[in-house]
PDB file of N, CA and C in Angstrom:
ATOM      1  N   MET A   1     -15.937  -3.938  22.812  1.00  0.00           N
ATOM      2  CA  MET A   1     -15.753  -3.233  21.554  1.00  0.00           C
ATOM      3  C   MET A   1     -14.278  -3.252  21.169  1.00  0.00           C
ATOM      4  N   LEU A   2     -14.012  -3.501  19.897  1.00  0.00           N
ATOM      5  CA  LEU A   2     -12.641  -3.530  19.400  1.00  0.00           C
ATOM      6  C   LEU A   2     -12.123  -2.117  19.187  1.00  0.00           C
ATOM      7  N   ARG A   3     -10.886  -1.915  19.555  1.00  0.00           N
ATOM      8  CA  ARG A   3     -10.266  -0.600  19.377  1.00  0.00           C
ATOM      9  C   ARG A   3      -9.013  -0.752  18.521  1.00  0.00           C
ATOM     10  N   GLY A   4      -8.636   0.338  17.871  1.00  0.00           N
ATOM     11  CA  GLY A   4      -7.442   0.295  17.046  1.00  0.00           C
ATOM     12  C   GLY A   4      -7.691  -0.404  15.729  1.00  0.00           C
ATOM     13  N   GLU A   5      -6.600  -0.767  15.069  1.00  0.00           N
ATOM     14  CA  GLU A   5      -6.728  -1.452  13.787  1.00  0.00           C
ATOM     15  C   GLU A   5      -6.864  -2.954  14.018  1.00  0.00           C
ATOM     16  N   ASN A   6      -7.698  -3.581  13.219  1.00  0.00           N
ATOM     17  CA  ASN A   6      -7.933  -5.016  13.299  1.00  0.00           C
ATOM     18  C   ASN A   6      -7.671  -5.609  11.919  1.00  0.00           C
ATOM     19  N   TYR A   7      -7.223  -6.858  11.894  1.00  0.00           N
ATOM     20  CA  TYR A   7      -6.823  -7.475  10.632  1.00  0.00           C
ATOM     21  C   TYR A   7      -7.440  -8.855  10.459  1.00  0.00           C
ATOM     22  N   PHE A   8      -7.833  -9.136   9.228  1.00  0.00           N
ATOM     23  CA  PHE A   8      -8.120 -10.488   8.770  1.00  0.00           C
ATOM     24  C   PHE A   8      -6.961 -10.837   7.859  1.00  0.00           C
ATOM     25  N   CYS A   9      -6.482 -12.047   7.952  1.00  0.00           N
ATOM     26  CA  CYS A   9      -5.340 -12.423   7.126  1.00  0.00           C
ATOM     27  C   CYS A   9      -5.641 -13.727   6.394  1.00  0.00           C
ATOM     28  N   VAL A  10      -5.440 -13.705   5.091  1.00  0.00           N
ATOM     29  CA  VAL A  10      -5.532 -14.913   4.269  1.00  0.00           C
ATOM     30  C   VAL A  10      -4.116 -15.470   4.201  1.00  0.00           C
ATOM     31  N   VAL A  11      -3.856 -16.542   4.951  1.00  0.00           N
ATOM     32  CA  VAL A  11      -2.499 -17.096   5.049  1.00  0.00           C
ATOM     33  C   VAL A  11      -2.305 -18.177   3.980  1.00  0.00           C
ATOM     34  N   ASP A  12      -2.155 -17.720   2.762  1.00  0.00           N
ATOM     35  CA  ASP A  12      -2.099 -18.628   1.618  1.00  0.00           C
ATOM     36  C   ASP A  12      -0.728 -19.250   1.373  1.00  0.00           C
ATOM     37  N   LEU A  13       0.335 -18.667   1.878  1.00  0.00           N
ATOM     38  CA  LEU A  13       1.662 -19.220   1.598  1.00  0.00           C
ATOM     39  C   LEU A  13       1.867 -20.585   2.251  1.00  0.00           C
ATOM     40  N   HIS A  14       1.194 -20.855   3.353  1.00  0.00           N
ATOM     41  CA  HIS A  14       1.333 -22.162   3.989  1.00  0.00           C
ATOM     42  C   HIS A  14       0.865 -23.280   3.059  1.00  0.00           C
ATOM     43  N   ALA A  15      -0.054 -22.970   2.172  1.00  0.00           N
ATOM     44  CA  ALA A  15      -0.579 -23.984   1.250  1.00  0.00           C
ATOM     45  C   ALA A  15       0.465 -24.447   0.244  1.00  0.00           C
ATOM     46  N   VAL A  16       1.473 -23.634  -0.033  1.00  0.00           N
ATOM     47  CA  VAL A  16       2.449 -24.027  -1.051  1.00  0.00           C
ATOM     48  C   VAL A  16       3.561 -24.913  -0.506  1.00  0.00           C
ATOM     49  N   THR A  17       3.418 -25.375   0.735  1.00  0.00           N
ATOM     50  CA  THR A  17       4.382 -26.347   1.244  1.00  0.00           C
ATOM     51  C   THR A  17       4.167 -27.714   0.599  1.00  0.00           C
ATOM     52  N   ILE A  18       3.055 -27.852  -0.124  1.00  0.00           N
ATOM     53  CA  ILE A  18       2.807 -29.028  -0.954  1.00  0.00           C
ATOM     54  C   ILE A  18       2.509 -28.518  -2.363  1.00  0.00           C
ATOM     55  N   PRO A  19       2.723 -29.334  -3.392  1.00  0.00           N
ATOM     56  CA  PRO A  19       2.501 -28.848  -4.770  1.00  0.00           C
ATOM     57  C   PRO A  19       1.077 -28.326  -4.973  1.00  0.00           C
ATOM     58  N   GLN A  20       0.964 -27.205  -5.666  1.00  0.00           N
ATOM     59  CA  GLN A  20      -0.323 -26.562  -5.946  1.00  0.00           C
ATOM     60  C   GLN A  20      -0.407 -26.224  -7.428  1.00  0.00           C
ATOM     61  N   ASP A  21      -1.593 -26.307  -7.972  1.00  0.00           N
ATOM     62  CA  ASP A  21      -1.843 -25.804  -9.316  1.00  0.00           C
ATOM     63  C   ASP A  21      -1.894 -24.280  -9.209  1.00  0.00           C
ATOM     64  N   PRO A  22      -1.022 -23.554  -9.909  1.00  0.00           N
ATOM     65  CA  PRO A  22      -0.971 -22.097  -9.761  1.00  0.00           C
ATOM     66  C   PRO A  22      -2.309 -21.399  -9.997  1.00  0.00           C
ATOM     67  N   ALA A  23      -3.064 -21.827 -10.987  1.00  0.00           N
ATOM     68  CA  ALA A  23      -4.344 -21.174 -11.281  1.00  0.00           C
ATOM     69  C   ALA A  23      -5.341 -21.401 -10.142  1.00  0.00           C
ATOM     70  N   THR A  24      -5.418 -22.632  -9.668  1.00  0.00           N
ATOM     71  CA  THR A  24      -6.330 -22.946  -8.570  1.00  0.00           C
ATOM     72  C   THR A  24      -5.906 -22.234  -7.292  1.00  0.00           C
ATOM     73  N   PHE A  25      -4.613 -22.201  -7.035  1.00  0.00           N
ATOM     74  CA  PHE A  25      -4.096 -21.527  -5.843  1.00  0.00           C
ATOM     75  C   PHE A  25      -4.479 -20.052  -5.857  1.00  0.00           C
ATOM     76  N   SER A  26      -4.259 -19.401  -6.968  1.00  0.00           N
ATOM     77  CA  SER A  26      -4.590 -17.977  -7.092  1.00  0.00           C
ATOM     78  C   SER A  26      -6.093 -17.756  -6.924  1.00  0.00           C
ATOM     79  N   GLU A  27      -6.888 -18.609  -7.550  1.00  0.00           N
ATOM     80  CA  GLU A  27      -8.345 -18.490  -7.460  1.00  0.00           C
ATOM     81  C   GLU A  27      -8.826 -18.685  -6.018  1.00  0.00           C
ATOM     82  N   ASN A  28      -8.279 -19.688  -5.332  1.00  0.00           N
ATOM     83  CA  ASN A  28      -8.679 -19.938  -3.947  1.00  0.00           C
ATOM     84  C   ASN A  28      -8.289 -18.790  -3.022  1.00  0.00           C
ATOM     85  N   THR A  29      -7.134 -18.193  -3.277  1.00  0.00           N
ATOM     86  CA  THR A  29      -6.690 -17.056  -2.473  1.00  0.00           C
ATOM     87  C   THR A  29      -7.642 -15.880  -2.657  1.00  0.00           C
ATOM     88  N   LEU A  30      -7.970 -15.582  -3.901  1.00  0.00           N
ATOM     89  CA  LEU A  30      -8.876 -14.463  -4.165  1.00  0.00           C
ATOM     90  C   LEU A  30     -10.285 -14.738  -3.632  1.00  0.00           C
ATOM     91  N   THR A  31     -10.717 -15.987  -3.714  1.00  0.00           N
ATOM     92  CA  THR A  31     -12.031 -16.346  -3.180  1.00  0.00           C
ATOM     93  C   THR A  31     -12.069 -16.130  -1.668  1.00  0.00           C
ATOM     94  N   SER A  32     -11.015 -16.521  -0.992  1.00  0.00           N
ATOM     95  CA  SER A  32     -10.957 -16.326   0.461  1.00  0.00           C
ATOM     96  C   SER A  32     -11.034 -14.848   0.825  1.00  0.00           C
ATOM     97  N   ALA A  33     -10.296 -14.025   0.114  1.00  0.00           N
ATOM     98  CA  ALA A  33     -10.328 -12.587   0.369  1.00  0.00           C
ATOM     99  C   ALA A  33     -11.703 -12.009   0.033  1.00  0.00           C
ATOM    100  N   ALA A  34     -12.285 -12.465  -1.061  1.00  0.00           N
ATOM    101  CA  ALA A  34     -13.607 -11.968  -1.472  1.00  0.00           C
ATOM    102  C   ALA A  34     -14.675 -12.311  -0.436  1.00  0.00           C
ATOM    103  N   LEU A  35     -14.584 -13.486   0.158  1.00  0.00           N
ATOM    104  CA  LEU A  35     -15.556 -13.868   1.188  1.00  0.00           C
ATOM    105  C   LEU A  35     -15.510 -12.907   2.379  1.00  0.00           C
ATOM    106  N   LEU A  36     -14.331 -12.426   2.690  1.00  0.00           N
ATOM    107  CA  LEU A  36     -14.226 -11.450   3.775  1.00  0.00           C
ATOM    108  C   LEU A  36     -14.917 -10.141   3.394  1.00  0.00           C
ATOM    109  N   TYR A  37     -14.766  -9.741   2.125  1.00  0.00           N
ATOM    110  CA  TYR A  37     -15.445  -8.520   1.672  1.00  0.00           C
ATOM    111  C   TYR A  37     -16.957  -8.714   1.650  1.00  0.00           C
ATOM    112  N   LEU A  38     -17.395  -9.936   1.311  1.00  0.00           N
ATOM    113  CA  LEU A  38     -18.835 -10.206   1.279  1.00  0.00           C
ATOM    114  C   LEU A  38     -19.452 -10.165   2.677  1.00  0.00           C
ATOM    115  N   ALA A  39     -18.625 -10.347   3.666  1.00  0.00           N
ATOM    116  CA  ALA A  39     -19.120 -10.303   5.042  1.00  0.00           C
ATOM    117  C   ALA A  39     -19.277  -8.861   5.533  1.00  0.00           C
ATOM    118  N   GLU A  40     -19.230  -7.914   4.609  1.00  0.00           N
ATOM    119  CA  GLU A  40     -19.259  -6.506   4.976  1.00  0.00           C
ATOM    120  C   GLU A  40     -20.466  -6.145   5.829  1.00  0.00           C
ATOM    121  N   GLY A  41     -21.576  -6.824   5.629  1.00  0.00           N
ATOM    122  CA  GLY A  41     -22.748  -6.545   6.449  1.00  0.00           C
ATOM    123  C   GLY A  41     -22.522  -6.881   7.910  1.00  0.00           C
ATOM    124  N   ILE A  42     -21.590  -7.797   8.157  1.00  0.00           N
ATOM    125  CA  ILE A  42     -21.271  -8.222   9.512  1.00  0.00           C
ATOM    126  C   ILE A  42     -20.023  -7.488  10.017  1.00  0.00           C
ATOM    127  N   ILE A  43     -19.092  -7.268   9.112  1.00  0.00           N
ATOM    128  CA  ILE A  43     -17.813  -6.660   9.447  1.00  0.00           C
ATOM    129  C   ILE A  43     -17.804  -5.210   8.984  1.00  0.00           C
ATOM    130  N   ASP A  44     -17.459  -4.318   9.862  1.00  0.00           N
ATOM    131  CA  ASP A  44     -17.310  -2.910   9.492  1.00  0.00           C
ATOM    132  C   ASP A  44     -15.917  -2.738   8.896  1.00  0.00           C
ATOM    133  N   LEU A  45     -15.835  -2.724   7.558  1.00  0.00           N
ATOM    134  CA  LEU A  45     -14.538  -2.684   6.888  1.00  0.00           C
ATOM    135  C   LEU A  45     -13.776  -1.382   7.122  1.00  0.00           C
ATOM    136  N   SER A  46     -14.439  -0.377   7.658  1.00  0.00           N
ATOM    137  CA  SER A  46     -13.700   0.852   7.983  1.00  0.00           C
ATOM    138  C   SER A  46     -12.806   0.634   9.207  1.00  0.00           C
ATOM    139  N   LYS A  47     -13.058  -0.444   9.956  1.00  0.00           N
ATOM    140  CA  LYS A  47     -12.274  -0.738  11.149  1.00  0.00           C
ATOM    141  C   LYS A  47     -11.358  -1.943  10.972  1.00  0.00           C
ATOM    142  N   TRP A  48     -11.462  -2.611   9.843  1.00  0.00           N
ATOM    143  CA  TRP A  48     -10.699  -3.827   9.599  1.00  0.00           C
ATOM    144  C   TRP A  48      -9.859  -3.701   8.340  1.00  0.00           C
ATOM    145  N   ARG A  49      -8.742  -4.383   8.326  1.00  0.00           N
ATOM    146  CA  ARG A  49      -7.893  -4.482   7.134  1.00  0.00           C
ATOM    147  C   ARG A  49      -7.849  -5.956   6.739  1.00  0.00           C
ATOM    148  N   ILE A  50      -7.853  -6.199   5.452  1.00  0.00           N
ATOM    149  CA  ILE A  50      -7.728  -7.567   4.943  1.00  0.00           C
ATOM    150  C   ILE A  50      -6.357  -7.685   4.298  1.00  0.00           C
ATOM    151  N   LEU A  51      -5.568  -8.636   4.793  1.00  0.00           N
ATOM    152  CA  LEU A  51      -4.220  -8.856   4.283  1.00  0.00           C
ATOM    153  C   LEU A  51      -4.155 -10.216   3.603  1.00  0.00           C
ATOM    154  N   VAL A  52      -3.518 -10.268   2.459  1.00  0.00           N
ATOM    155  CA  VAL A  52      -3.252 -11.535   1.780  1.00  0.00           C
ATOM    156  C   VAL A  52      -1.751 -11.776   1.896  1.00  0.00           C
ATOM    157  N   GLN A  53      -1.392 -12.810   2.610  1.00  0.00           N
ATOM    158  CA  GLN A  53      -0.002 -13.095   2.957  1.00  0.00           C
ATOM    159  C   GLN A  53       0.933 -13.046   1.750  1.00  0.00           C
ATOM    160  N   SER A  54       0.555 -13.667   0.648  1.00  0.00           N
ATOM    161  CA  SER A  54       1.435 -13.733  -0.521  1.00  0.00           C
ATOM    162  C   SER A  54       1.594 -12.390  -1.227  1.00  0.00           C
ATOM    163  N   HIS A  55       0.781 -11.417  -0.871  1.00  0.00           N
ATOM    164  CA  HIS A  55       0.871 -10.098  -1.492  1.00  0.00           C
ATOM    165  C   HIS A  55       1.754  -9.145  -0.688  1.00  0.00           C
ATOM    166  N   ILE A  56       2.307  -9.617   0.404  1.00  0.00           N
ATOM    167  CA  ILE A  56       3.122  -8.772   1.276  1.00  0.00           C
ATOM    168  C   ILE A  56       4.561  -9.276   1.227  1.00  0.00           C
ATOM    169  N   THR A  57       5.412  -8.584   0.492  1.00  0.00           N
ATOM    170  CA  THR A  57       6.794  -9.048   0.322  1.00  0.00           C
ATOM    171  C   THR A  57       7.576  -9.025   1.633  1.00  0.00           C
ATOM    172  N   ALA A  58       7.191  -8.175   2.562  1.00  0.00           N
ATOM    173  CA  ALA A  58       7.887  -8.122   3.849  1.00  0.00           C
ATOM    174  C   ALA A  58       7.772  -9.444   4.599  1.00  0.00           C
ATOM    175  N   HIS A  59       6.716 -10.184   4.321  1.00  0.00           N
ATOM    176  CA  HIS A  59       6.526 -11.481   4.973  1.00  0.00           C
ATOM    177  C   HIS A  59       7.676 -12.419   4.612  1.00  0.00           C
ATOM    178  N   ALA A  60       7.995 -12.513   3.336  1.00  0.00           N
ATOM    179  CA  ALA A  60       9.082 -13.393   2.889  1.00  0.00           C
ATOM    180  C   ALA A  60      10.432 -12.902   3.431  1.00  0.00           C
ATOM    181  N   LYS A  61      10.605 -11.599   3.485  1.00  0.00           N
ATOM    182  CA  LYS A  61      11.857 -11.054   4.023  1.00  0.00           C
ATOM    183  C   LYS A  61      12.001 -11.379   5.503  1.00  0.00           C
ATOM    184  N   LEU A  62      10.921 -11.237   6.245  1.00  0.00           N
ATOM    185  CA  LEU A  62      10.956 -11.559   7.670  1.00  0.00           C
ATOM    186  C   LEU A  62      11.235 -13.044   7.869  1.00  0.00           C
ATOM    187  N   GLU A  63      10.604 -13.883   7.050  1.00  0.00           N
ATOM    188  CA  GLU A  63      10.845 -15.318   7.184  1.00  0.00           C
ATOM    189  C   GLU A  63      12.317 -15.636   6.970  1.00  0.00           C
ATOM    190  N   TRP A  64      12.927 -15.008   5.980  1.00  0.00           N
ATOM    191  CA  TRP A  64      14.352 -15.248   5.720  1.00  0.00           C
ATOM    192  C   TRP A  64      15.199 -14.862   6.931  1.00  0.00           C
ATOM    193  N   LEU A  65      14.935 -13.695   7.499  1.00  0.00           N
ATOM    194  CA  LEU A  65      15.705 -13.251   8.661  1.00  0.00           C
ATOM    195  C   LEU A  65      15.525 -14.205   9.850  1.00  0.00           C
ATOM    196  N   LEU A  66      14.290 -14.628  10.087  1.00  0.00           N
ATOM    197  CA  LEU A  66      14.045 -15.558  11.187  1.00  0.00           C
ATOM    198  C   LEU A  66      14.663 -16.930  10.918  1.00  0.00           C
ATOM    199  N   ASN A  67      14.636 -17.370   9.656  1.00  0.00           N
ATOM    200  CA  ASN A  67      15.258 -18.647   9.297  1.00  0.00           C
ATOM    201  C   ASN A  67      16.747 -18.638   9.617  1.00  0.00           C
ATOM    202  N   CYS A  68      17.382 -17.499   9.427  1.00  0.00           N
ATOM    203  CA  CYS A  68      18.824 -17.394   9.643  1.00  0.00           C
ATOM    204  C   CYS A  68      19.229 -17.548  11.105  1.00  0.00           C
ATOM    205  N   VAL A  69      18.317 -17.311  12.017  1.00  0.00           N
ATOM    206  CA  VAL A  69      18.664 -17.376  13.443  1.00  0.00           C
ATOM    207  C   VAL A  69      17.915 -18.480  14.202  1.00  0.00           C
ATOM    208  N   THR A  70      17.114 -19.272  13.514  1.00  0.00           N
ATOM    209  CA  THR A  70      16.354 -20.330  14.179  1.00  0.00           C
ATOM    210  C   THR A  70      17.094 -21.653  14.063  1.00  0.00           C
ATOM    211  N   PRO A  71      17.414 -22.277  15.186  1.00  0.00           N
ATOM    212  CA  PRO A  71      18.099 -23.578  15.138  1.00  0.00           C
ATOM    213  C   PRO A  71      17.192 -24.664  14.553  1.00  0.00           C
ATOM    214  N   THR A  72      17.748 -25.536  13.739  1.00  0.00           N
ATOM    215  CA  THR A  72      16.947 -26.583  13.102  1.00  0.00           C
ATOM    216  C   THR A  72      16.344 -27.542  14.124  1.00  0.00           C
ATOM    217  N   ASN A  73      17.019 -27.775  15.240  1.00  0.00           N
ATOM    218  CA  ASN A  73      16.471 -28.715  16.223  1.00  0.00           C
ATOM    219  C   ASN A  73      15.150 -28.207  16.808  1.00  0.00           C
ATOM    220  N   ARG A  74      14.950 -26.901  16.846  1.00  0.00           N
ATOM    221  CA  ARG A  74      13.673 -26.365  17.334  1.00  0.00           C
ATOM    222  C   ARG A  74      12.557 -26.641  16.326  1.00  0.00           C
ATOM    223  N   LEU A  75      12.865 -26.538  15.032  1.00  0.00           N
ATOM    224  CA  LEU A  75      11.857 -26.788  14.000  1.00  0.00           C
ATOM    225  C   LEU A  75      11.517 -28.270  13.912  1.00  0.00           C
ATOM    226  N   GLU A  76      12.496 -29.125  14.155  1.00  0.00           N
ATOM    227  CA  GLU A  76      12.263 -30.564  14.090  1.00  0.00           C
ATOM    228  C   GLU A  76      11.297 -31.052  15.171  1.00  0.00           C
ATOM    229  N   ARG A  77      11.101 -30.272  16.217  1.00  0.00           N
ATOM    230  CA  ARG A  77      10.194 -30.658  17.302  1.00  0.00           C
ATOM    231  C   ARG A  77       8.746 -30.253  17.040  1.00  0.00           C
ATOM    232  N   VAL A  78       8.512 -29.459  16.013  1.00  0.00           N
ATOM    233  CA  VAL A  78       7.163 -28.958  15.737  1.00  0.00           C
ATOM    234  C   VAL A  78       6.312 -30.079  15.150  1.00  0.00           C
ATOM    235  N   ILE A  79       5.066 -30.162  15.605  1.00  0.00           N
ATOM    236  CA  ILE A  79       4.174 -31.275  15.269  1.00  0.00           C
ATOM    237  C   ILE A  79       3.942 -31.434  13.758  1.00  0.00           C
ATOM    238  N   GLN A  80       3.839 -30.325  13.011  1.00  0.00           N
ATOM    239  CA  GLN A  80       3.597 -30.431  11.566  1.00  0.00           C
ATOM    240  C   GLN A  80       4.762 -31.138  10.880  1.00  0.00           C
ATOM    241  N   PHE A  81       5.973 -30.771  11.258  1.00  0.00           N
ATOM    242  CA  PHE A  81       7.152 -31.399  10.654  1.00  0.00           C
ATOM    243  C   PHE A  81       7.254 -32.858  11.080  1.00  0.00           C
ATOM    244  N   LYS A  82       7.084 -33.134  12.365  1.00  0.00           N
ATOM    245  CA  LYS A  82       7.212 -34.500  12.866  1.00  0.00           C
ATOM    246  C   LYS A  82       6.191 -35.424  12.219  1.00  0.00           C
ATOM    247  N   GLY A  83       4.960 -34.943  12.075  1.00  0.00           N
ATOM    248  CA  GLY A  83       3.917 -35.773  11.477  1.00  0.00           C
ATOM    249  C   GLY A  83       4.202 -36.114  10.029  1.00  0.00           C
ATOM    250  N   LYS A  84       4.597 -35.115   9.260  1.00  0.00           N
ATOM    251  CA  LYS A  84       4.891 -35.340   7.836  1.00  0.00           C
ATOM    252  C   LYS A  84       6.122 -36.235   7.689  1.00  0.00           C
ATOM    253  N   ALA A  85       7.143 -36.014   8.509  1.00  0.00           N
ATOM    254  CA  ALA A  85       8.356 -36.825   8.445  1.00  0.00           C
ATOM    255  C   ALA A  85       8.060 -38.278   8.812  1.00  0.00           C
ATOM    256  N   LYS A  86       7.166 -38.478   9.768  1.00  0.00           N
ATOM    257  CA  LYS A  86       6.819 -39.838  10.187  1.00  0.00           C
ATOM    258  C   LYS A  86       6.074 -40.574   9.074  1.00  0.00           C
ATOM    259  N   ARG A  87       5.175 -39.857   8.379  1.00  0.00           N
ATOM    260  CA  ARG A  87       4.378 -40.490   7.316  1.00  0.00           C
ATOM    261  C   ARG A  87       5.187 -40.743   6.047  1.00  0.00           C
ATOM    262  N   GLY A  88       6.017 -39.787   5.646  1.00  0.00           N
ATOM    263  CA  GLY A  88       6.689 -39.923   4.363  1.00  0.00           C
ATOM    264  C   GLY A  88       8.193 -40.004   4.427  1.00  0.00           C
ATOM    265  N   GLY A  89       8.740 -40.046   5.610  1.00  0.00           N
ATOM    266  CA  GLY A  89      10.188 -40.061   5.738  1.00  0.00           C
ATOM    267  C   GLY A  89      10.732 -38.647   5.749  1.00  0.00           C
ATOM    268  N   ARG A  90      11.697 -38.422   6.576  1.00  0.00           N
ATOM    269  CA  ARG A  90      12.283 -37.094   6.759  1.00  0.00           C
ATOM    270  C   ARG A  90      12.794 -36.495   5.451  1.00  0.00           C
ATOM    271  N   GLU A  91      13.389 -37.323   4.604  1.00  0.00           N
ATOM    272  CA  GLU A  91      13.949 -36.815   3.346  1.00  0.00           C
ATOM    273  C   GLU A  91      12.869 -36.395   2.350  1.00  0.00           C
ATOM    274  N   GLY A  92      11.630 -36.789   2.591  1.00  0.00           N
ATOM    275  CA  GLY A  92      10.531 -36.411   1.713  1.00  0.00           C
ATOM    276  C   GLY A  92       9.831 -35.116   2.101  1.00  0.00           C
ATOM    277  N   VAL A  93      10.268 -34.503   3.209  1.00  0.00           N
ATOM    278  CA  VAL A  93       9.645 -33.267   3.674  1.00  0.00           C
ATOM    279  C   VAL A  93      10.313 -32.085   2.987  1.00  0.00           C
ATOM    280  N   GLY A  94       9.499 -31.246   2.335  1.00  0.00           N
ATOM    281  CA  GLY A  94      10.044 -30.072   1.653  1.00  0.00           C
ATOM    282  C   GLY A  94      10.555 -29.031   2.628  1.00  0.00           C
ATOM    283  N   VAL A  95      11.519 -28.265   2.199  1.00  0.00           N
ATOM    284  CA  VAL A  95      12.089 -27.206   3.030  1.00  0.00           C
ATOM    285  C   VAL A  95      11.030 -26.182   3.421  1.00  0.00           C
ATOM    286  N   GLY A  96      10.045 -25.959   2.552  1.00  0.00           N
ATOM    287  CA  GLY A  96       8.992 -24.998   2.866  1.00  0.00           C
ATOM    288  C   GLY A  96       8.221 -25.375   4.118  1.00  0.00           C
ATOM    289  N   LEU A  97       7.903 -26.655   4.279  1.00  0.00           N
ATOM    290  CA  LEU A  97       7.187 -27.097   5.473  1.00  0.00           C
ATOM    291  C   LEU A  97       8.072 -26.924   6.706  1.00  0.00           C
ATOM    292  N   PHE A  98       9.335 -27.176   6.534  1.00  0.00           N
ATOM    293  CA  PHE A  98      10.281 -27.073   7.641  1.00  0.00           C
ATOM    294  C   PHE A  98      10.452 -25.618   8.077  1.00  0.00           C
ATOM    295  N   THR A  99      10.568 -24.702   7.111  1.00  0.00           N
ATOM    296  CA  THR A  99      10.920 -23.316   7.468  1.00  0.00           C
ATOM    297  C   THR A  99       9.745 -22.379   7.675  1.00  0.00           C
ATOM    298  N   TYR A 100       8.573 -22.665   7.139  1.00  0.00           N
ATOM    299  CA  TYR A 100       7.463 -21.728   7.340  1.00  0.00           C
ATOM    300  C   TYR A 100       7.079 -21.640   8.809  1.00  0.00           C
ATOM    301  N   LEU A 101       7.481 -22.627   9.572  1.00  0.00           N
ATOM    302  CA  LEU A 101       7.116 -22.677  10.980  1.00  0.00           C
ATOM    303  C   LEU A 101       7.713 -21.544  11.801  1.00  0.00           C
ATOM    304  N   VAL A 102       8.791 -20.924  11.334  1.00  0.00           N
ATOM    305  CA  VAL A 102       9.400 -19.846  12.126  1.00  0.00           C
ATOM    306  C   VAL A 102       8.466 -18.646  12.264  1.00  0.00           C
ATOM    307  N   LEU A 103       7.542 -18.482  11.346  1.00  0.00           N
ATOM    308  CA  LEU A 103       6.620 -17.363  11.447  1.00  0.00           C
ATOM    309  C   LEU A 103       5.491 -17.680  12.399  1.00  0.00           C
TER     310      LEU A 103
END
């Protein structure tokens, strides 16, 4: 049995490391959150919290603080960055893909 507070998280900010249509992005985020609410018959929502990453400003603040103290050589070793850099060249990798990894 689960004790304490439990969370479902819609981690939508990772999707913006590549170009997104704003309307589609917003719709997909809300759809993901709505699906969790629809699972209410399975999930006791009185014991769970649903968080949408892009709706929590503290997330961006924490990322900034962690970015300030994370060495770039550690991020360059992460598989997501290495794979994208190998396929499209290092200069083609957006800063968002490089820095979201600190979280």
